C-alpha cells in the first residue's frame, strides 16, 4: 500500500496542482469582488 502512495507522489506534477488551485482562488475572488461591486452580470460571465 505504501508503495502505491509513493509512486503516486513521485508521478504527480505539483506545479500543475498548485497553479490550478491558485487560478480557482483568483477567479473566485474576482467574481466575488465583481458581485460586491454590483456587477452581477460580469460576475456571472467570469464564473
C-alpha atoms as a PDB file:
ATOM      1  CA  UNK A   1       0.000   0.000   0.000  1.00  0.00           C
ATOM      2  CA  UNK A   2       2.796   2.397   0.884  1.00  0.00           C
ATOM      3  CA  UNK A   3       4.483   1.714  -2.462  1.00  0.00           C
ATOM      4  CA  UNK A   4       1.333   2.787  -4.354  1.00  0.00           C
ATOM      5  CA  UNK A   5       1.162   6.085  -2.458  1.00  0.00           C
ATOM      6  CA  UNK A   6       4.857   6.759  -3.010  1.00  0.00           C
ATOM      7  CA  UNK A   7       4.569   6.019  -6.738  1.00  0.00           C
ATOM      8  CA  UNK A   8       1.587   8.413  -6.981  1.00  0.00           C
ATOM      9  CA  UNK A   9       3.539  11.176  -5.208  1.00  0.00           C
ATOM     10  CA  UNK A  10       6.532  10.657  -7.483  1.00  0.00           C
ATOM     11  CA  UNK A  11       4.425  10.917 -10.647  1.00  0.00           C
ATOM     12  CA  UNK A  12       2.335  13.891  -9.546  1.00  0.00           C
ATOM     13  CA  UNK A  13       3.379  17.226 -11.003  1.00  0.00           C
ATOM     14  CA  UNK A  14       2.818  19.591  -8.102  1.00  0.00           C
ATOM     15  CA  UNK A  15       3.201  22.730 -10.223  1.00  0.00           C
ATOM     16  CA  UNK A  16       0.027  21.819 -12.131  1.00  0.00           C
ATOM     17  CA  UNK A  17      -1.863  21.173  -8.889  1.00  0.00           C
ATOM     18  CA  UNK A  18      -0.743  24.434  -7.278  1.00  0.00           C
ATOM     19  CA  UNK A  19      -1.413  26.525 -10.389  1.00  0.00           C
ATOM     20  CA  UNK A  20      -4.910  25.038 -10.736  1.00  0.00           C
ATOM     21  CA  UNK A  21      -5.756  25.819  -7.124  1.00  0.00           C
ATOM     22  CA  UNK A  22      -4.320  29.331  -7.438  1.00  0.00           C
ATOM     23  CA  UNK A  23      -6.316  30.007 -10.607  1.00  0.00           C
ATOM     24  CA  UNK A  24      -9.524  28.817  -8.953  1.00  0.00           C
ATOM     25  CA  UNK A  25      -8.953  31.086  -5.944  1.00  0.00           C
ATOM     26  CA  UNK A  26      -8.173  34.120  -8.130  1.00  0.00           C
ATOM     27  CA  UNK A  27     -11.240  33.581 -10.338  1.00  0.00           C
ATOM     28  CA  UNK A  28     -13.439  33.069  -7.283  1.00  0.00           C
ATOM     29  CA  UNK A  29     -12.125  36.211  -5.609  1.00  0.00           C
ATOM     30  CA  UNK A  30     -12.620  38.187  -8.821  1.00  0.00           C
ATOM     31  CA  UNK A  31     -16.227  37.013  -9.184  1.00  0.00           C
ATOM     32  CA  UNK A  32     -16.880  37.809  -5.518  1.00  0.00           C
ATOM     33  CA  UNK A  33     -15.398  41.293  -5.944  1.00  0.00           C
ATOM     34  CA  UNK A  34     -17.481  41.975  -9.041  1.00  0.00           C
ATOM     35  CA  UNK A  35     -20.615  40.832  -7.234  1.00  0.00           C
ATOM     36  CA  UNK A  36     -19.831  43.094  -4.270  1.00  0.00           C
ATOM     37  CA  UNK A  37     -19.291  46.000  -6.665  1.00  0.00           C
ATOM     38  CA  UNK A  38     -22.782  45.428  -8.059  1.00  0.00           C
ATOM     39  CA  UNK A  39     -21.686  43.945 -11.370  1.00  0.00           C
ATOM     40  CA  UNK A  40     -23.639  40.694 -11.193  1.00  0.00           C
ATOM     41  CA  UNK A  41     -23.751  40.189 -14.974  1.00  0.00           C
ATOM     42  CA  UNK A  42     -19.966  40.451 -15.238  1.00  0.00           C
ATOM     43  CA  UNK A  43     -19.555  38.154 -12.236  1.00  0.00           C
ATOM     44  CA  UNK A  44     -21.765  35.519 -13.855  1.00  0.00           C
ATOM     45  CA  UNK A  45     -19.698  35.682 -17.047  1.00  0.00           C
ATOM     46  CA  UNK A  46     -16.436  35.238 -15.105  1.00  0.00           C
ATOM     47  CA  UNK A  47     -17.907  32.411 -13.073  1.00  0.00           C
END
